[in-house]
Amino acid sequence: MNQKLKDLRVKGRSQRSQSGENCCLCVKYFCSDMSSSSLLILLLCAPIVGQISALLNATVGGSVLIPCSLPVNSTSIKWFYWQEHGSEKLLFHWDKSGETQPVADEYSNRCQVFNTEFSSGNISIKLNNVSVGDDQKTFLAFVGFDSTKRLDHQCESSLQVSAAYQDLNLTINSTLNSATCTAHGGYPKPEVKWTGQNKSSGEQLKLKDAQTSHQQHPTKKTFSVTSTVSVKELQSVTCHVYNPRSKQQIEDTAVIDAPGEAHLTDHSTIVVSTISTIGVFAVLSFLVYFLYRKCQDSNQRLQPVENEEDSRL
């Protein structure tokens, strides 16, 4: 960063502080004299402070316009630049002489200005490919006018980043009488709420004592959430995943089968199959026994005839 830009920044901070002191003097005067003339003085002092910081909502992966509109045309602008507050990282730099300063790597190829609108005082900047890392950052626009004017204007905006939760999955564990809900890819941490329909009364209940945990992606910094709750004595259960920043909510409902029904059905099938097998075995055994007895009777009838023939011989 060259010395010229550093000197301009120091000058800007000094004049910003001086503007604040001037405004404090105005407020002091107004408080000591509640006349209409003092109100006029306060209103005249207000522009010295500059624009109020704007809070902007941005979505992960999307774009956000960081606004700045100057009350002068571009012919009197000597230079301006956008900077991340609390650091020397530049998003963009423009100088009437054609000299520019390099931007920080994390903002390279992500920022867009509107050159054709400089003449109308629009020096807004568009930040693309917003990430979780941009959350809670504040960006400042410093403006230098021609040699007859001082640095007397700044624009200031802060980002509030969010990402929608996706892939909601709700499963029921009949053995443990519990329900588990999962969702992924959101930011910031969500609020997970459970409701359920009572089996006997049909009343909708707010379920408590859910066990909820969060995991953050190592690079994307988005969150995954897992929540488990008891579903004992419930006919159905609903999981609600709410993003407190974007105000978006996703939910899913599952119907709960009576514990043991599936096992009872399987057991009945086994019993029926066993009875059928025993019946077939019994019938076959009876047939074998019947044939065996019949053969025995035939042999007994044949033996006297053979003895009689032998005696005749």
C-alpha atoms as a PDB file:
ATOM      1  CA  MET A   1       0.000   0.000   0.000  1.00  0.00           C
ATOM      2  CA  ASN A   2       1.632   3.303  -1.026  1.00  0.00           C
ATOM      3  CA  GLN A   3       2.109   6.257   1.302  1.00  0.00           C
ATOM      4  CA  LYS A   4      -0.333   8.443  -0.641  1.00  0.00           C
ATOM      5  CA  LEU A   5      -3.285   6.150   0.081  1.00  0.00           C
ATOM      6  CA  LYS A   6      -2.270   5.783   3.728  1.00  0.00           C
ATOM      7  CA  ASP A   7      -2.117   9.554   4.150  1.00  0.00           C
ATOM      8  CA  LEU A   8      -5.575   9.891   2.618  1.00  0.00           C
ATOM      9  CA  ARG A   9      -6.948   7.303   5.036  1.00  0.00           C
ATOM     10  CA  VAL A  10      -5.463   9.074   8.045  1.00  0.00           C
ATOM     11  CA  LYS A  11      -6.901  12.338   6.796  1.00  0.00           C
ATOM     12  CA  GLY A  12     -10.291  10.736   6.316  1.00  0.00           C
ATOM     13  CA  ARG A  13     -10.352   9.259   9.818  1.00  0.00           C
ATOM     14  CA  SER A  14      -9.302  12.615  11.314  1.00  0.00           C
ATOM     15  CA  GLN A  15     -12.003  14.529   9.486  1.00  0.00           C
ATOM     16  CA  ARG A  16     -14.567  11.873  10.380  1.00  0.00           C
ATOM     17  CA  SER A  17     -13.696  12.364  14.042  1.00  0.00           C
ATOM     18  CA  GLN A  18     -13.878  16.145  13.656  1.00  0.00           C
ATOM     19  CA  SER A  19     -17.315  15.844  12.064  1.00  0.00           C
ATOM     20  CA  GLY A  20     -18.480  13.821  15.044  1.00  0.00           C
ATOM     21  CA  GLU A  21     -17.217  16.493  17.452  1.00  0.00           C
ATOM     22  CA  ASN A  22     -19.018  19.203  15.488  1.00  0.00           C
ATOM     23  CA  CYS A  23     -22.236  17.237  15.689  1.00  0.00           C
ATOM     24  CA  CYS A  24     -21.815  16.757  19.449  1.00  0.00           C
ATOM     25  CA  LEU A  25     -21.555  20.535  19.795  1.00  0.00           C
ATOM     26  CA  CYS A  26     -24.795  20.867  17.834  1.00  0.00           C
ATOM     27  CA  VAL A  27     -26.594  18.358  20.068  1.00  0.00           C
ATOM     28  CA  LYS A  28     -25.305  20.125  23.197  1.00  0.00           C
ATOM     29  CA  TYR A  29     -26.616  23.421  21.904  1.00  0.00           C
ATOM     30  CA  PHE A  30     -29.965  21.896  21.010  1.00  0.00           C
ATOM     31  CA  CYS A  31     -30.386  20.331  24.440  1.00  0.00           C
ATOM     32  CA  SER A  32     -29.710  23.628  26.183  1.00  0.00           C
ATOM     33  CA  ASP A  33     -32.142  25.580  24.014  1.00  0.00           C
ATOM     34  CA  MET A  34     -35.341  23.851  22.875  1.00  0.00           C
ATOM     35  CA  SER A  35     -36.350  26.680  20.525  1.00  0.00           C
ATOM     36  CA  SER A  36     -37.242  26.179  16.854  1.00  0.00           C
ATOM     37  CA  SER A  37     -33.986  27.825  15.799  1.00  0.00           C
ATOM     38  CA  SER A  38     -31.966  25.202  17.687  1.00  0.00           C
ATOM     39  CA  LEU A  39     -33.872  22.441  15.884  1.00  0.00           C
ATOM     40  CA  LEU A  40     -32.884  24.028  12.574  1.00  0.00           C
ATOM     41  CA  ILE A  41     -29.244  24.066  13.649  1.00  0.00           C
ATOM     42  CA  LEU A  42     -29.423  20.369  14.582  1.00  0.00           C
ATOM     43  CA  LEU A  43     -30.848  19.462  11.191  1.00  0.00           C
ATOM     44  CA  LEU A  44     -28.108  21.412   9.462  1.00  0.00           C
ATOM     45  CA  CYS A  45     -25.492  19.591  11.487  1.00  0.00           C
ATOM     46  CA  ALA A  46     -26.845  16.126  10.636  1.00  0.00           C
ATOM     47  CA  PRO A  47     -25.250  15.774   7.160  1.00  0.00           C
ATOM     48  CA  ILE A  48     -21.804  16.263   8.688  1.00  0.00           C
ATOM     49  CA  VAL A  49     -21.966  12.784  10.204  1.00  0.00           C
ATOM     50  CA  GLY A  50     -22.492  11.113   6.827  1.00  0.00           C
ATOM     51  CA  GLN A  51     -24.860   8.317   5.886  1.00  0.00           C
ATOM     52  CA  ILE A  52     -26.220   5.969   8.532  1.00  0.00           C
ATOM     53  CA  SER A  53     -24.747   2.469   8.380  1.00  0.00           C
ATOM     54  CA  ALA A  54     -27.010   0.133   6.428  1.00  0.00           C
ATOM     55  CA  LEU A  55     -27.577  -3.522   7.366  1.00  0.00           C
ATOM     56  CA  LEU A  56     -27.750  -5.653   4.231  1.00  0.00           C
ATOM     57  CA  ASN A  57     -29.041  -9.214   3.921  1.00  0.00           C
ATOM     58  CA  ALA A  58     -27.042 -11.534   1.695  1.00  0.00           C
ATOM     59  CA  THR A  59     -27.389 -15.193   0.714  1.00  0.00           C
ATOM     60  CA  VAL A  60     -24.505 -17.646   0.539  1.00  0.00           C
ATOM     61  CA  GLY A  61     -23.534 -18.129  -3.101  1.00  0.00           C
ATOM     62  CA  GLY A  62     -25.484 -15.066  -4.223  1.00  0.00           C
ATOM     63  CA  SER A  63     -24.725 -11.384  -4.795  1.00  0.00           C
ATOM     64  CA  VAL A  64     -25.403  -8.237  -2.792  1.00  0.00           C
ATOM     65  CA  LEU A  65     -25.382  -4.573  -3.814  1.00  0.00           C
ATOM     66  CA  ILE A  66     -23.525  -2.332  -1.341  1.00  0.00           C
ATOM     67  CA  PRO A  67     -24.989   1.115  -2.039  1.00  0.00           C
ATOM     68  CA  CYS A  68     -23.341   4.509  -2.098  1.00  0.00           C
ATOM     69  CA  SER A  69     -24.852   7.574  -3.749  1.00  0.00           C
ATOM     70  CA  LEU A  70     -22.942  10.873  -3.667  1.00  0.00           C
ATOM     71  CA  PRO A  71     -24.607  14.298  -3.760  1.00  0.00           C
ATOM     72  CA  VAL A  72     -22.154  15.495  -6.432  1.00  0.00           C
ATOM     73  CA  ASN A  73     -21.294  14.560 -10.008  1.00  0.00           C
ATOM     74  CA  SER A  74     -18.141  12.698 -10.948  1.00  0.00           C
ATOM     75  CA  THR A  75     -16.346  15.767 -12.298  1.00  0.00           C
ATOM     76  CA  SER A  76     -15.517  16.821  -8.739  1.00  0.00           C
ATOM     77  CA  ILE A  77     -14.505  13.340  -7.519  1.00  0.00           C
ATOM     78  CA  LYS A  78     -10.740  12.952  -7.380  1.00  0.00           C
ATOM     79  CA  TRP A  79     -10.688   9.361  -6.138  1.00  0.00           C
ATOM     80  CA  PHE A  80     -12.665   6.829  -4.090  1.00  0.00           C
ATOM     81  CA  TYR A  81     -12.178   3.340  -2.750  1.00  0.00           C
ATOM     82  CA  TRP A  82     -14.067   0.599  -0.905  1.00  0.00           C
ATOM     83  CA  GLN A  83     -12.406  -0.969   2.105  1.00  0.00           C
ATOM     84  CA  GLU A  84     -13.213  -3.655   4.672  1.00  0.00           C
ATOM     85  CA  HIS A  85     -13.627  -1.996   8.059  1.00  0.00           C
ATOM     86  CA  GLY A  86     -10.930  -2.793  10.591  1.00  0.00           C
ATOM     87  CA  SER A  87      -8.363  -3.807   7.989  1.00  0.00           C
ATOM     88  CA  GLU A  88      -6.486  -2.459   4.977  1.00  0.00           C
ATOM     89  CA  LYS A  89      -8.155  -4.903   2.578  1.00  0.00           C
ATOM     90  CA  LEU A  90      -9.413  -3.101  -0.513  1.00  0.00           C
ATOM     91  CA  LEU A  91     -12.439  -4.208  -2.521  1.00  0.00           C
ATOM     92  CA  PHE A  92     -12.035  -1.553  -5.208  1.00  0.00           C
ATOM     93  CA  HIS A  93      -9.983   1.587  -5.902  1.00  0.00           C
ATOM     94  CA  TRP A  94     -10.498   4.315  -8.500  1.00  0.00           C
ATOM     95  CA  ASP A  95      -8.381   7.407  -9.134  1.00  0.00           C
ATOM     96  CA  LYS A  96      -9.065  10.174 -11.642  1.00  0.00           C
ATOM     97  CA  SER A  97      -5.405  10.116 -12.645  1.00  0.00           C
ATOM     98  CA  GLY A  98      -5.681   6.464 -13.656  1.00  0.00           C
ATOM     99  CA  GLU A  99      -3.584   5.145 -10.782  1.00  0.00           C
ATOM    100  CA  THR A 100      -5.164   2.228  -8.930  1.00  0.00           C
ATOM    101  CA  GLN A 101      -4.297   0.100  -5.935  1.00  0.00           C
ATOM    102  CA  PRO A 102      -4.498  -3.734  -5.913  1.00  0.00           C
ATOM    103  CA  VAL A 103      -7.475  -5.310  -4.170  1.00  0.00           C
ATOM    104  CA  ALA A 104      -7.223  -8.068  -1.554  1.00  0.00           C
ATOM    105  CA  ASP A 105      -7.081 -11.639  -2.850  1.00  0.00           C
ATOM    106  CA  GLU A 106     -10.355 -12.620  -1.188  1.00  0.00           C
ATOM    107  CA  TYR A 107     -12.191  -9.894  -3.154  1.00  0.00           C
ATOM    108  CA  SER A 108     -10.418 -10.400  -6.468  1.00  0.00           C
ATOM    109  CA  ASN A 109     -12.894 -11.007  -9.338  1.00  0.00           C
ATOM    110  CA  ARG A 110     -15.788 -10.737  -6.878  1.00  0.00           C
ATOM    111  CA  CYS A 111     -16.503  -7.002  -7.013  1.00  0.00           C
ATOM    112  CA  GLN A 112     -18.297  -5.024  -9.694  1.00  0.00           C
ATOM    113  CA  VAL A 113     -18.838  -1.264 -10.041  1.00  0.00           C
ATOM    114  CA  PHE A 114     -20.952   0.724 -12.490  1.00  0.00           C
ATOM    115  CA  ASN A 115     -18.585   3.087 -14.319  1.00  0.00           C
ATOM    116  CA  THR A 116     -21.297   4.595 -16.497  1.00  0.00           C
ATOM    117  CA  GLU A 117     -23.169   5.778 -13.410  1.00  0.00           C
ATOM    118  CA  PHE A 118     -20.300   7.660 -11.771  1.00  0.00           C
ATOM    119  CA  SER A 119     -21.615  10.846 -13.387  1.00  0.00           C
ATOM    120  CA  SER A 120     -24.797  10.546 -11.318  1.00  0.00           C
ATOM    121  CA  GLY A 121     -22.809  10.028  -8.104  1.00  0.00           C
ATOM    122  CA  ASN A 122     -23.466   6.283  -7.945  1.00  0.00           C
ATOM    123  CA  ILE A 123     -20.303   4.559  -6.688  1.00  0.00           C
ATOM    124  CA  SER A 124     -22.126   1.479  -5.368  1.00  0.00           C
ATOM    125  CA  ILE A 125     -20.309  -1.841  -5.491  1.00  0.00           C
ATOM    126  CA  LYS A 126     -21.695  -5.327  -6.094  1.00  0.00           C
ATOM    127  CA  LEU A 127     -20.153  -8.210  -4.164  1.00  0.00           C
ATOM    128  CA  ASN A 128     -20.576 -11.591  -5.870  1.00  0.00           C
ATOM    129  CA  ASN A 129     -20.274 -15.172  -4.610  1.00  0.00           C
ATOM    130  CA  VAL A 130     -21.093 -14.273  -1.009  1.00  0.00           C
ATOM    131  CA  SER A 131     -19.712 -16.719   1.564  1.00  0.00           C
ATOM    132  CA  VAL A 132     -20.201 -17.322   5.278  1.00  0.00           C
ATOM    133  CA  GLY A 133     -16.833 -15.607   5.744  1.00  0.00           C
ATOM    134  CA  ASP A 134     -18.461 -12.302   4.681  1.00  0.00           C
ATOM    135  CA  ASP A 135     -20.933 -12.412   7.562  1.00  0.00           C
ATOM    136  CA  GLN A 136     -20.879  -9.399   9.924  1.00  0.00           C
ATOM    137  CA  LYS A 137     -18.294  -7.563   7.830  1.00  0.00           C
ATOM    138  CA  THR A 138     -18.616  -3.807   7.422  1.00  0.00           C
ATOM    139  CA  PHE A 139     -17.547  -2.036   4.222  1.00  0.00           C
ATOM    140  CA  LEU A 140     -16.675   1.656   3.926  1.00  0.00           C
ATOM    141  CA  ALA A 141     -16.474   3.934   0.896  1.00  0.00           C
ATOM    142  CA  PHE A 142     -13.935   6.773   1.188  1.00  0.00           C
ATOM    143  CA  VAL A 143     -14.256   9.623  -1.288  1.00  0.00           C
ATOM    144  CA  GLY A 144     -11.816  12.402  -2.142  1.00  0.00           C
ATOM    145  CA  PHE A 145     -13.026  15.453  -4.043  1.00  0.00           C
ATOM    146  CA  ASP A 146     -10.995  18.026  -5.974  1.00  0.00           C
ATOM    147  CA  SER A 147      -8.329  20.136  -4.294  1.00  0.00           C
ATOM    148  CA  THR A 148     -10.819  22.798  -3.178  1.00  0.00           C
ATOM    149  CA  LYS A 149     -12.849  20.287  -1.170  1.00  0.00           C
ATOM    150  CA  ARG A 150     -11.992  18.011   1.713  1.00  0.00           C
ATOM    151  CA  LEU A 151     -12.747  14.356   2.310  1.00  0.00           C
ATOM    152  CA  ASP A 152     -16.226  14.749   3.736  1.00  0.00           C
ATOM    153  CA  HIS A 153     -18.317  11.777   2.687  1.00  0.00           C
ATOM    154  CA  GLN A 154     -18.414   8.084   3.553  1.00  0.00           C
ATOM    155  CA  CYS A 155     -20.833   5.252   2.891  1.00  0.00           C
ATOM    156  CA  GLU A 156     -21.018   2.375   5.343  1.00  0.00           C
ATOM    157  CA  SER A 157     -22.803  -0.992   5.091  1.00  0.00           C
ATOM    158  CA  SER A 158     -22.680  -4.224   7.097  1.00  0.00           C
ATOM    159  CA  LEU A 159     -23.525  -7.683   5.780  1.00  0.00           C
ATOM    160  CA  GLN A 160     -25.762 -10.251   7.420  1.00  0.00           C
ATOM    161  CA  VAL A 161     -25.315 -13.594   5.649  1.00  0.00           C
ATOM    162  CA  SER A 162     -27.697 -16.560   5.649  1.00  0.00           C
ATOM    163  CA  ALA A 163     -28.158 -19.885   3.862  1.00  0.00           C
ATOM    164  CA  ALA A 164     -31.288 -22.027   3.603  1.00  0.00           C
ATOM    165  CA  TYR A 165     -31.397 -25.471   5.219  1.00  0.00           C
ATOM    166  CA  GLN A 166     -31.988 -28.385   2.857  1.00  0.00           C
ATOM    167  CA  ASP A 167     -32.496 -32.160   2.671  1.00  0.00           C
ATOM    168  CA  LEU A 168     -34.764 -32.434   5.700  1.00  0.00           C
ATOM    169  CA  ASN A 169     -35.060 -36.096   6.737  1.00  0.00           C
ATOM    170  CA  LEU A 170     -37.367 -37.414   9.472  1.00  0.00           C
ATOM    171  CA  THR A 171     -37.141 -41.045  10.662  1.00  0.00           C
ATOM    172  CA  ILE A 172     -38.965 -43.034  13.353  1.00  0.00           C
ATOM    173  CA  ASN A 173     -37.369 -45.659  15.586  1.00  0.00           C
ATOM    174  CA  SER A 174     -40.254 -47.827  16.881  1.00  0.00           C
ATOM    175  CA  THR A 175     -37.976 -49.827  19.149  1.00  0.00           C
ATOM    176  CA  LEU A 176     -36.697 -46.750  21.008  1.00  0.00           C
ATOM    177  CA  ASN A 177     -39.952 -44.767  20.642  1.00  0.00           C
ATOM    178  CA  SER A 178     -38.012 -41.830  19.184  1.00  0.00           C
ATOM    179  CA  ALA A 179     -37.906 -39.604  16.108  1.00  0.00           C
ATOM    180  CA  THR A 180     -34.762 -38.125  14.528  1.00  0.00           C
ATOM    181  CA  CYS A 181     -34.667 -35.098  12.225  1.00  0.00           C
ATOM    182  CA  THR A 182     -31.668 -33.954  10.140  1.00  0.00           C
ATOM    183  CA  ALA A 183     -31.019 -31.015   7.770  1.00  0.00           C
ATOM    184  CA  HIS A 184     -27.902 -29.681   6.030  1.00  0.00           C
ATOM    185  CA  GLY A 185     -26.226 -26.694   4.378  1.00  0.00           C
ATOM    186  CA  GLY A 186     -27.725 -23.828   6.397  1.00  0.00           C
ATOM    187  CA  TYR A 187     -26.442 -20.737   8.172  1.00  0.00           C
ATOM    188  CA  PRO A 188     -26.546 -19.576  10.923  1.00  0.00           C
ATOM    189  CA  LYS A 189     -27.481 -22.263  13.479  1.00  0.00           C
ATOM    190  CA  PRO A 190     -31.215 -23.066  13.232  1.00  0.00           C
ATOM    191  CA  GLU A 191     -33.946 -23.321  15.818  1.00  0.00           C
ATOM    192  CA  VAL A 192     -35.415 -26.849  15.879  1.00  0.00           C
ATOM    193  CA  LYS A 193     -38.911 -27.309  17.280  1.00  0.00           C
ATOM    194  CA  TRP A 194     -41.052 -30.436  17.607  1.00  0.00           C
ATOM    195  CA  THR A 195     -44.820 -30.889  17.683  1.00  0.00           C
ATOM    196  CA  GLY A 196     -46.834 -34.079  17.947  1.00  0.00           C
ATOM    197  CA  GLN A 197     -50.414 -35.347  17.959  1.00  0.00           C
ATOM    198  CA  ASN A 198     -51.453 -37.205  21.097  1.00  0.00           C
ATOM    199  CA  LYS A 199     -52.696 -40.722  20.317  1.00  0.00           C
ATOM    200  CA  SER A 200     -55.617 -40.774  22.760  1.00  0.00           C
ATOM    201  CA  SER A 201     -56.851 -37.157  22.702  1.00  0.00           C
ATOM    202  CA  GLY A 202     -55.740 -36.044  19.229  1.00  0.00           C
ATOM    203  CA  GLU A 203     -54.366 -32.832  20.748  1.00  0.00           C
ATOM    204  CA  GLN A 204     -51.380 -31.096  19.122  1.00  0.00           C
ATOM    205  CA  LEU A 205     -48.536 -30.819  21.626  1.00  0.00           C
ATOM    206  CA  LYS A 206     -45.275 -28.873  21.751  1.00  0.00           C
ATOM    207  CA  LEU A 207     -42.613 -31.458  22.478  1.00  0.00           C
ATOM    208  CA  LYS A 208     -39.782 -30.711  24.870  1.00  0.00           C
ATOM    209  CA  ASP A 209     -36.503 -32.311  25.946  1.00  0.00           C
ATOM    210  CA  ALA A 210     -35.248 -32.812  22.382  1.00  0.00           C
ATOM    211  CA  GLN A 211     -31.539 -33.553  22.022  1.00  0.00           C
ATOM    212  CA  THR A 212     -30.126 -31.259  19.315  1.00  0.00           C
ATOM    213  CA  SER A 213     -26.562 -31.003  17.989  1.00  0.00           C
ATOM    214  CA  HIS A 214     -24.845 -28.965  15.249  1.00  0.00           C
ATOM    215  CA  GLN A 215     -21.844 -29.625  13.043  1.00  0.00           C
ATOM    216  CA  GLN A 216     -20.059 -26.977  10.959  1.00  0.00           C
ATOM    217  CA  HIS A 217     -18.541 -27.752   7.568  1.00  0.00           C
ATOM    218  CA  PRO A 218     -14.738 -27.319   7.748  1.00  0.00           C
ATOM    219  CA  THR A 219     -14.501 -25.161   4.602  1.00  0.00           C
ATOM    220  CA  LYS A 220     -17.989 -23.880   3.704  1.00  0.00           C
ATOM    221  CA  LYS A 221     -18.741 -23.073   7.375  1.00  0.00           C
ATOM    222  CA  THR A 222     -22.410 -23.969   6.911  1.00  0.00           C
ATOM    223  CA  PHE A 223     -24.170 -26.080   9.537  1.00  0.00           C
ATOM    224  CA  SER A 224     -25.798 -29.507   9.698  1.00  0.00           C
ATOM    225  CA  VAL A 225     -28.297 -30.184  12.475  1.00  0.00           C
ATOM    226  CA  THR A 226     -29.494 -33.413  14.118  1.00  0.00           C
ATOM    227  CA  SER A 227     -32.342 -33.499  16.636  1.00  0.00           C
ATOM    228  CA  THR A 228     -33.981 -36.440  18.442  1.00  0.00           C
ATOM    229  CA  VAL A 229     -37.148 -36.494  20.564  1.00  0.00           C
ATOM    230  CA  SER A 230     -39.340 -39.082  22.320  1.00  0.00           C
ATOM    231  CA  VAL A 231     -42.580 -40.006  20.506  1.00  0.00           C
ATOM    232  CA  LYS A 232     -44.146 -42.175  23.199  1.00  0.00           C
ATOM    233  CA  GLU A 233     -47.963 -41.992  23.211  1.00  0.00           C
ATOM    234  CA  LEU A 234     -47.986 -40.011  19.948  1.00  0.00           C
ATOM    235  CA  GLN A 235     -49.909 -40.713  16.759  1.00  0.00           C
ATOM    236  CA  SER A 236     -47.756 -38.422  14.572  1.00  0.00           C
ATOM    237  CA  VAL A 237     -44.779 -36.101  14.953  1.00  0.00           C
ATOM    238  CA  THR A 238     -43.557 -32.993  13.048  1.00  0.00           C
ATOM    239  CA  CYS A 239     -40.040 -31.531  12.921  1.00  0.00           C
ATOM    240  CA  HIS A 240     -39.671 -27.769  12.265  1.00  0.00           C
ATOM    241  CA  VAL A 241     -36.269 -26.331  11.245  1.00  0.00           C
ATOM    242  CA  TYR A 242     -36.321 -22.505  11.387  1.00  0.00           C
ATOM    243  CA  ASN A 243     -33.626 -20.085  10.182  1.00  0.00           C
ATOM    244  CA  PRO A 244     -33.811 -17.079  12.548  1.00  0.00           C
ATOM    245  CA  ARG A 245     -32.021 -14.771  10.112  1.00  0.00           C
ATOM    246  CA  SER A 246     -33.752 -15.478   6.799  1.00  0.00           C
ATOM    247  CA  LYS A 247     -37.067 -16.361   8.544  1.00  0.00           C
ATOM    248  CA  GLN A 248     -37.344 -19.477   6.390  1.00  0.00           C
ATOM    249  CA  GLN A 249     -38.729 -22.729   7.805  1.00  0.00           C
ATOM    250  CA  ILE A 250     -38.830 -26.285   6.508  1.00  0.00           C
ATOM    251  CA  GLU A 251     -40.770 -29.116   8.174  1.00  0.00           C
ATOM    252  CA  ASP A 252     -41.791 -32.736   7.787  1.00  0.00           C
ATOM    253  CA  THR A 253     -44.403 -34.992   9.449  1.00  0.00           C
ATOM    254  CA  ALA A 254     -44.338 -38.756  10.080  1.00  0.00           C
ATOM    255  CA  VAL A 255     -47.093 -41.112  11.247  1.00  0.00           C
ATOM    256  CA  ILE A 256     -46.079 -43.418  14.080  1.00  0.00           C
ATOM    257  CA  ASP A 257     -47.046 -47.120  14.015  1.00  0.00           C
ATOM    258  CA  ALA A 258     -47.998 -48.843  17.273  1.00  0.00           C
ATOM    259  CA  PRO A 259     -44.911 -50.455  18.841  1.00  0.00           C
ATOM    260  CA  GLY A 260     -44.791 -54.225  18.299  1.00  0.00           C
ATOM    261  CA  GLU A 261     -47.276 -54.382  15.427  1.00  0.00           C
ATOM    262  CA  ALA A 262     -44.699 -55.360  12.886  1.00  0.00           C
ATOM    263  CA  HIS A 263     -43.252 -57.975  15.230  1.00  0.00           C
ATOM    264  CA  LEU A 264     -46.756 -59.337  15.959  1.00  0.00           C
ATOM    265  CA  THR A 265     -47.491 -59.724  12.258  1.00  0.00           C
ATOM    266  CA  ASP A 266     -44.252 -61.571  11.674  1.00  0.00           C
ATOM    267  CA  HIS A 267     -44.874 -63.856  14.664  1.00  0.00           C
ATOM    268  CA  SER A 268     -48.372 -64.712  13.435  1.00  0.00           C
ATOM    269  CA  THR A 269     -46.988 -65.622  10.043  1.00  0.00           C
ATOM    270  CA  ILE A 270     -44.436 -67.928  11.642  1.00  0.00           C
ATOM    271  CA  VAL A 271     -47.132 -69.633  13.761  1.00  0.00           C
ATOM    272  CA  VAL A 272     -49.401 -70.178  10.747  1.00  0.00           C
ATOM    273  CA  SER A 273     -46.518 -71.583   8.753  1.00  0.00           C
ATOM    274  CA  THR A 274     -45.571 -73.928  11.591  1.00  0.00           C
ATOM    275  CA  ILE A 275     -49.141 -75.176  11.965  1.00  0.00           C
ATOM    276  CA  SER A 276     -49.375 -75.798   8.217  1.00  0.00           C
ATOM    277  CA  THR A 277     -46.142 -77.780   8.247  1.00  0.00           C
ATOM    278  CA  ILE A 278     -47.298 -79.902  11.170  1.00  0.00           C
ATOM    279  CA  GLY A 279     -50.591 -80.624   9.419  1.00  0.00           C
ATOM    280  CA  VAL A 280     -48.926 -81.793   6.226  1.00  0.00           C
ATOM    281  CA  PHE A 281     -46.527 -83.981   8.193  1.00  0.00           C
ATOM    282  CA  ALA A 282     -49.428 -85.534  10.094  1.00  0.00           C
ATOM    283  CA  VAL A 283     -51.332 -86.334   6.901  1.00  0.00           C
ATOM    284  CA  LEU A 284     -48.275 -87.915   5.320  1.00  0.00           C
ATOM    285  CA  SER A 285     -47.611 -89.958   8.455  1.00  0.00           C
ATOM    286  CA  PHE A 286     -51.192 -91.198   8.462  1.00  0.00           C
ATOM    287  CA  LEU A 287     -50.949 -92.245   4.818  1.00  0.00           C
ATOM    288  CA  VAL A 288     -47.724 -94.099   5.418  1.00  0.00           C
ATOM    289  CA  TYR A 289     -49.201 -95.862   8.430  1.00  0.00           C
ATOM    290  CA  PHE A 290     -52.363 -96.703   6.470  1.00  0.00           C
ATOM    291  CA  LEU A 291     -50.381 -98.220   3.615  1.00  0.00           C
ATOM    292  CA  TYR A 292     -48.189-100.124   6.048  1.00  0.00           C
ATOM    293  CA  ARG A 293     -51.221-101.649   7.806  1.00  0.00           C
ATOM    294  CA  LYS A 294     -52.764-102.556   4.513  1.00  0.00           C
ATOM    295  CA  CYS A 295     -49.631-104.380   3.436  1.00  0.00           C
ATOM    296  CA  GLN A 296     -49.559-106.248   6.764  1.00  0.00           C
ATOM    297  CA  ASP A 297     -53.150-107.423   6.336  1.00  0.00           C
ATOM    298  CA  SER A 298     -52.442-108.631   2.811  1.00  0.00           C
ATOM    299  CA  ASN A 299     -49.464-110.685   3.964  1.00  0.00           C
ATOM    300  CA  GLN A 300     -51.490-112.313   6.730  1.00  0.00           C
ATOM    301  CA  ARG A 301     -54.189-113.400   4.254  1.00  0.00           C
ATOM    302  CA  LEU A 302     -51.645-114.856   1.857  1.00  0.00           C
ATOM    303  CA  GLN A 303     -49.850-117.030   4.451  1.00  0.00           C
ATOM    304  CA  PRO A 304     -52.798-119.603   5.095  1.00  0.00           C
ATOM    305  CA  VAL A 305     -53.196-120.195   1.388  1.00  0.00           C
ATOM    306  CA  GLU A 306     -49.531-120.993   0.984  1.00  0.00           C
ATOM    307  CA  ASN A 307     -49.629-123.430   3.958  1.00  0.00           C
ATOM    308  CA  GLU A 308     -52.650-125.218   2.522  1.00  0.00           C
ATOM    309  CA  GLU A 309     -50.921-125.777  -0.795  1.00  0.00           C
ATOM    310  CA  ASP A 310     -47.871-127.155   0.956  1.00  0.00           C
ATOM    311  CA  SER A 311     -49.963-129.732   2.838  1.00  0.00           C
ATOM    312  CA  ARG A 312     -51.508-130.989  -0.329  1.00  0.00           C
ATOM    313  CA  LEU A 313     -48.133-131.660  -1.768  1.00  0.00           C
END
